[in-house]
N, C-alpha and C. Protein backbone atom coordinates (compact mmCIF):
# COMPACT_ATOMS: atom_id res chain seq x y z
N MET A 1 83.88 17.06 -178.36
CA MET A 1 84.44 18.38 -178.55
C MET A 1 85.94 18.33 -178.30
N ASP A 2 86.64 19.08 -179.07
CA ASP A 2 88.09 19.17 -178.96
C ASP A 2 88.47 19.82 -177.62
N PRO A 3 89.44 19.26 -176.89
CA PRO A 3 89.83 19.83 -175.60
C PRO A 3 90.24 21.30 -175.69
N ALA A 4 90.92 21.67 -176.76
CA ALA A 4 91.36 23.06 -176.93
C ALA A 4 90.15 23.98 -177.01
N ASP A 5 89.17 23.60 -177.81
CA ASP A 5 87.95 24.40 -177.95
C ASP A 5 87.19 24.47 -176.63
N LEU A 6 87.13 23.35 -175.93
CA LEU A 6 86.41 23.32 -174.66
C LEU A 6 87.04 24.27 -173.65
N VAL A 7 88.35 24.22 -173.51
CA VAL A 7 89.03 25.10 -172.56
C VAL A 7 88.84 26.56 -172.97
N ARG A 8 88.99 26.84 -174.26
CA ARG A 8 88.85 28.22 -174.75
C ARG A 8 87.44 28.74 -174.49
N ARG A 9 86.42 27.94 -174.84
CA ARG A 9 85.03 28.37 -174.64
C ARG A 9 84.73 28.63 -173.16
N CYS A 10 85.19 27.74 -172.32
CA CYS A 10 84.94 27.90 -170.88
C CYS A 10 85.69 29.11 -170.33
N ARG A 11 86.90 29.33 -170.81
CA ARG A 11 87.67 30.49 -170.35
C ARG A 11 86.98 31.77 -170.76
N LEU A 12 86.57 31.83 -172.03
CA LEU A 12 85.87 33.03 -172.50
C LEU A 12 84.55 33.21 -171.77
N GLY A 13 83.85 32.10 -171.52
CA GLY A 13 82.60 32.16 -170.78
C GLY A 13 82.79 32.67 -169.36
N ALA A 14 83.94 32.36 -168.79
CA ALA A 14 84.24 32.83 -167.43
C ALA A 14 84.74 34.27 -167.44
N GLY A 15 85.03 34.79 -168.63
CA GLY A 15 85.47 36.18 -168.76
C GLY A 15 86.87 36.44 -168.24
N ILE A 16 87.75 35.45 -168.40
CA ILE A 16 89.14 35.67 -167.95
C ILE A 16 90.11 35.48 -169.11
N THR A 17 91.28 36.05 -168.95
CA THR A 17 92.31 35.98 -169.98
C THR A 17 93.12 34.70 -169.83
N GLN A 18 93.91 34.43 -170.84
CA GLN A 18 94.83 33.29 -170.76
C GLN A 18 95.80 33.48 -169.60
N GLN A 19 96.26 34.70 -169.40
CA GLN A 19 97.20 34.98 -168.31
C GLN A 19 96.54 34.70 -166.96
N GLN A 20 95.29 35.11 -166.79
CA GLN A 20 94.60 34.87 -165.53
C GLN A 20 94.40 33.37 -165.28
N LEU A 21 94.06 32.63 -166.35
CA LEU A 21 93.90 31.18 -166.20
C LEU A 21 95.24 30.55 -165.84
N ALA A 22 96.29 31.00 -166.46
CA ALA A 22 97.63 30.45 -166.18
C ALA A 22 97.99 30.65 -164.71
N ILE A 23 97.70 31.82 -164.18
CA ILE A 23 97.99 32.09 -162.77
C ILE A 23 97.17 31.17 -161.87
N ARG A 24 95.89 31.03 -162.17
CA ARG A 24 95.03 30.16 -161.37
C ARG A 24 95.51 28.71 -161.40
N ALA A 25 95.98 28.28 -162.58
CA ALA A 25 96.37 26.88 -162.77
C ALA A 25 97.82 26.61 -162.40
N GLY A 26 98.56 27.65 -162.10
CA GLY A 26 99.97 27.46 -161.76
C GLY A 26 100.82 27.07 -162.94
N THR A 27 100.53 27.67 -164.10
CA THR A 27 101.29 27.38 -165.31
C THR A 27 101.59 28.71 -166.00
N THR A 28 101.98 28.65 -167.25
CA THR A 28 102.32 29.87 -167.98
C THR A 28 101.26 30.21 -169.02
N LYS A 29 101.22 31.48 -169.40
CA LYS A 29 100.31 31.91 -170.47
C LYS A 29 100.66 31.18 -171.76
N THR A 30 101.94 30.95 -171.98
CA THR A 30 102.38 30.24 -173.19
C THR A 30 101.79 28.84 -173.23
N ALA A 31 101.78 28.15 -172.08
CA ALA A 31 101.21 26.80 -172.03
C ALA A 31 99.72 26.82 -172.35
N ILE A 32 99.00 27.80 -171.81
CA ILE A 32 97.57 27.91 -172.08
C ILE A 32 97.35 28.23 -173.56
N SER A 33 98.14 29.14 -174.09
CA SER A 33 98.03 29.51 -175.50
C SER A 33 98.30 28.32 -176.42
N ARG A 34 99.32 27.56 -176.10
CA ARG A 34 99.64 26.37 -176.91
C ARG A 34 98.53 25.33 -176.84
N LEU A 35 97.96 25.15 -175.65
CA LEU A 35 96.86 24.20 -175.49
C LEU A 35 95.65 24.64 -176.30
N GLU A 36 95.24 25.91 -176.12
CA GLU A 36 94.07 26.42 -176.83
C GLU A 36 94.30 26.48 -178.34
N GLY A 37 95.53 26.63 -178.74
CA GLY A 37 95.85 26.66 -180.17
C GLY A 37 95.93 25.29 -180.80
N GLY A 38 95.81 24.25 -179.99
CA GLY A 38 95.87 22.89 -180.52
C GLY A 38 97.27 22.40 -180.81
N HIS A 39 98.27 23.10 -180.27
CA HIS A 39 99.66 22.71 -180.52
C HIS A 39 100.13 21.58 -179.61
N ILE A 40 99.40 21.35 -178.53
CA ILE A 40 99.71 20.23 -177.65
C ILE A 40 98.42 19.46 -177.39
N SER A 41 98.56 18.23 -177.03
CA SER A 41 97.41 17.38 -176.74
C SER A 41 97.38 17.15 -175.23
N PRO A 42 96.50 17.87 -174.53
CA PRO A 42 96.49 17.76 -173.07
C PRO A 42 95.92 16.44 -172.58
N THR A 43 96.32 16.05 -171.40
CA THR A 43 95.74 14.85 -170.79
C THR A 43 94.35 15.21 -170.26
N PHE A 44 93.57 14.19 -169.97
CA PHE A 44 92.26 14.39 -169.38
C PHE A 44 92.39 15.13 -168.05
N GLU A 45 93.42 14.77 -167.29
CA GLU A 45 93.63 15.40 -165.99
C GLU A 45 93.93 16.89 -166.14
N THR A 46 94.71 17.26 -167.14
CA THR A 46 95.03 18.66 -167.36
C THR A 46 93.77 19.45 -167.72
N VAL A 47 92.97 18.92 -168.62
CA VAL A 47 91.73 19.60 -169.01
C VAL A 47 90.81 19.73 -167.80
N THR A 48 90.69 18.65 -167.02
CA THR A 48 89.84 18.69 -165.82
C THR A 48 90.32 19.76 -164.85
N ARG A 49 91.63 19.85 -164.63
CA ARG A 49 92.19 20.85 -163.71
C ARG A 49 91.93 22.26 -164.20
N LEU A 50 92.13 22.50 -165.51
CA LEU A 50 91.90 23.83 -166.06
C LEU A 50 90.43 24.23 -165.95
N LEU A 51 89.56 23.28 -166.23
CA LEU A 51 88.13 23.59 -166.15
C LEU A 51 87.71 23.86 -164.71
N LEU A 52 88.29 23.13 -163.77
CA LEU A 52 88.01 23.42 -162.35
C LEU A 52 88.46 24.83 -161.99
N CYS A 53 89.59 25.26 -162.53
CA CYS A 53 90.08 26.62 -162.29
C CYS A 53 89.13 27.67 -162.88
N LEU A 54 88.35 27.25 -163.86
CA LEU A 54 87.40 28.15 -164.51
C LEU A 54 86.00 28.07 -163.91
N GLY A 55 85.84 27.17 -162.92
CA GLY A 55 84.54 27.04 -162.28
C GLY A 55 83.62 26.03 -162.94
N TYR A 56 84.20 25.10 -163.69
CA TYR A 56 83.42 24.06 -164.36
C TYR A 56 83.80 22.70 -163.80
N ARG A 57 82.83 21.80 -163.75
CA ARG A 57 83.05 20.42 -163.34
C ARG A 57 82.91 19.55 -164.58
N VAL A 58 83.80 18.60 -164.74
CA VAL A 58 83.75 17.67 -165.87
C VAL A 58 82.90 16.47 -165.49
N GLU A 59 82.00 16.11 -166.37
CA GLU A 59 81.20 14.91 -166.19
C GLU A 59 81.42 14.00 -167.39
N VAL A 60 81.66 12.74 -167.12
CA VAL A 60 81.85 11.77 -168.18
C VAL A 60 80.74 10.73 -168.06
N ASP A 61 80.18 10.38 -169.19
CA ASP A 61 79.09 9.42 -169.20
C ASP A 61 79.37 8.38 -170.28
N ALA A 62 78.94 7.18 -170.03
CA ALA A 62 79.05 6.12 -171.03
C ALA A 62 77.64 5.72 -171.46
N ILE A 63 77.42 5.70 -172.75
CA ILE A 63 76.12 5.38 -173.29
C ILE A 63 76.26 4.13 -174.16
N ALA A 64 75.42 3.16 -173.89
CA ALA A 64 75.47 1.91 -174.66
C ALA A 64 75.15 2.19 -176.13
N LEU A 65 75.89 1.57 -176.99
CA LEU A 65 75.65 1.70 -178.41
C LEU A 65 74.49 0.83 -178.84
N THR A 66 73.80 1.29 -179.84
CA THR A 66 72.73 0.50 -180.42
C THR A 66 73.39 -0.63 -181.21
N PRO A 67 72.90 -1.85 -181.04
CA PRO A 67 73.51 -2.94 -181.80
C PRO A 67 73.50 -2.64 -183.30
N ARG A 68 74.61 -2.94 -183.94
CA ARG A 68 74.73 -2.65 -185.36
C ARG A 68 74.55 -3.91 -186.20
N SER A 69 74.06 -4.97 -185.60
CA SER A 69 73.88 -6.20 -186.35
C SER A 69 72.41 -6.37 -186.72
N ASP A 70 72.20 -6.98 -187.83
CA ASP A 70 70.86 -7.26 -188.32
C ASP A 70 70.54 -8.71 -187.98
N PRO A 71 69.51 -8.96 -187.15
CA PRO A 71 69.19 -10.34 -186.77
C PRO A 71 68.98 -11.26 -187.96
N ALA A 72 68.40 -10.74 -189.03
CA ALA A 72 68.17 -11.59 -190.21
C ALA A 72 69.50 -12.02 -190.83
N GLN A 73 70.47 -11.11 -190.84
CA GLN A 73 71.78 -11.46 -191.39
C GLN A 73 72.50 -12.46 -190.50
N LEU A 74 72.36 -12.28 -189.20
CA LEU A 74 72.99 -13.24 -188.28
C LEU A 74 72.39 -14.63 -188.45
N ASP A 75 71.07 -14.69 -188.61
CA ASP A 75 70.42 -15.98 -188.83
C ASP A 75 70.89 -16.62 -190.13
N ALA A 76 71.12 -15.77 -191.14
CA ALA A 76 71.52 -16.29 -192.46
C ALA A 76 72.89 -16.95 -192.42
N VAL A 77 73.79 -16.46 -191.58
CA VAL A 77 75.14 -17.02 -191.55
C VAL A 77 75.34 -18.01 -190.40
N ALA A 78 74.34 -18.15 -189.54
CA ALA A 78 74.49 -19.01 -188.36
C ALA A 78 74.79 -20.46 -188.73
N GLY A 79 74.24 -20.93 -189.82
CA GLY A 79 74.44 -22.32 -190.20
C GLY A 79 75.63 -22.57 -191.09
N LEU A 80 76.41 -21.52 -191.38
CA LEU A 80 77.56 -21.68 -192.27
C LEU A 80 78.77 -22.19 -191.50
N THR A 81 79.63 -22.84 -192.21
CA THR A 81 80.90 -23.29 -191.63
C THR A 81 81.81 -22.07 -191.49
N PRO A 82 82.87 -22.17 -190.71
CA PRO A 82 83.80 -21.04 -190.61
C PRO A 82 84.36 -20.61 -191.96
N THR A 83 84.66 -21.55 -192.82
CA THR A 83 85.19 -21.20 -194.15
C THR A 83 84.14 -20.46 -194.96
N GLN A 84 82.90 -20.92 -194.88
CA GLN A 84 81.82 -20.24 -195.61
C GLN A 84 81.58 -18.83 -195.05
N ARG A 85 81.69 -18.70 -193.74
CA ARG A 85 81.53 -17.37 -193.13
C ARG A 85 82.63 -16.42 -193.61
N LEU A 86 83.86 -16.93 -193.67
CA LEU A 86 84.97 -16.11 -194.15
C LEU A 86 84.74 -15.69 -195.59
N ASP A 87 84.32 -16.63 -196.43
CA ASP A 87 84.03 -16.31 -197.84
C ASP A 87 82.94 -15.24 -197.93
N HIS A 88 81.91 -15.39 -197.10
CA HIS A 88 80.80 -14.44 -197.08
C HIS A 88 81.31 -13.05 -196.66
N ALA A 89 82.15 -13.00 -195.65
CA ALA A 89 82.69 -11.72 -195.16
C ALA A 89 83.56 -11.06 -196.22
N LEU A 90 84.40 -11.84 -196.89
CA LEU A 90 85.27 -11.27 -197.92
C LEU A 90 84.46 -10.76 -199.10
N ALA A 91 83.40 -11.46 -199.46
CA ALA A 91 82.54 -10.99 -200.55
C ALA A 91 81.83 -9.70 -200.16
N SER A 92 81.38 -9.62 -198.91
CA SER A 92 80.72 -8.40 -198.43
C SER A 92 81.69 -7.22 -198.42
N GLN A 93 82.92 -7.49 -197.99
CA GLN A 93 83.93 -6.43 -197.94
C GLN A 93 84.22 -5.92 -199.35
N SER A 94 84.31 -6.83 -200.30
CA SER A 94 84.57 -6.45 -201.68
C SER A 94 83.42 -5.60 -202.23
N SER A 95 82.19 -6.01 -201.94
CA SER A 95 81.02 -5.24 -202.39
C SER A 95 81.01 -3.86 -201.78
N LEU A 96 81.32 -3.77 -200.49
CA LEU A 96 81.34 -2.49 -199.80
C LEU A 96 82.42 -1.58 -200.37
N ALA A 97 83.57 -2.13 -200.67
CA ALA A 97 84.66 -1.35 -201.26
C ALA A 97 84.23 -0.79 -202.61
N GLY A 98 83.52 -1.58 -203.38
CA GLY A 98 83.01 -1.12 -204.67
C GLY A 98 82.02 0.02 -204.51
N LEU A 99 81.13 -0.09 -203.53
CA LEU A 99 80.16 0.97 -203.28
C LEU A 99 80.84 2.25 -202.82
N LEU A 100 81.83 2.13 -201.95
CA LEU A 100 82.55 3.30 -201.48
C LEU A 100 83.29 3.98 -202.61
N GLY A 101 83.90 3.19 -203.48
CA GLY A 101 84.60 3.76 -204.63
C GLY A 101 83.64 4.48 -205.56
N ALA A 102 82.48 3.90 -205.79
CA ALA A 102 81.48 4.54 -206.65
C ALA A 102 80.98 5.84 -206.02
N ALA A 103 80.81 5.83 -204.70
CA ALA A 103 80.34 7.04 -204.02
C ALA A 103 81.38 8.15 -204.10
N ARG A 104 82.65 7.80 -203.99
CA ARG A 104 83.71 8.80 -204.08
C ARG A 104 83.80 9.40 -205.48
N ASP A 105 83.59 8.54 -206.48
CA ASP A 105 83.70 8.98 -207.86
C ASP A 105 82.52 9.86 -208.29
N GLY A 106 81.45 9.76 -207.50
CA GLY A 106 80.29 10.63 -207.73
C GLY A 106 79.36 10.04 -208.69
């Protein structure tokens, strides 16, 4: 979620104005307005501080990605030389570019 949207949603959920949030956070209404309007890119610390002023706690979680490799494909290239692997990769890239172009063209 966009930080601007997050701050705005939480502020509205807390039922306070931009001016009230600015006072709580020790900043200006203009700064809050610019942040919520997407005119500035706040740091993580700024968003965390504003949300704390609104009665919210920030939680960050890391989730492992599902492997994006196909074991059969890895086995197929395992015995290739580095040059053969490069040729294989370039051919795959060219095929993918062709598919993307066809998809864009409809």
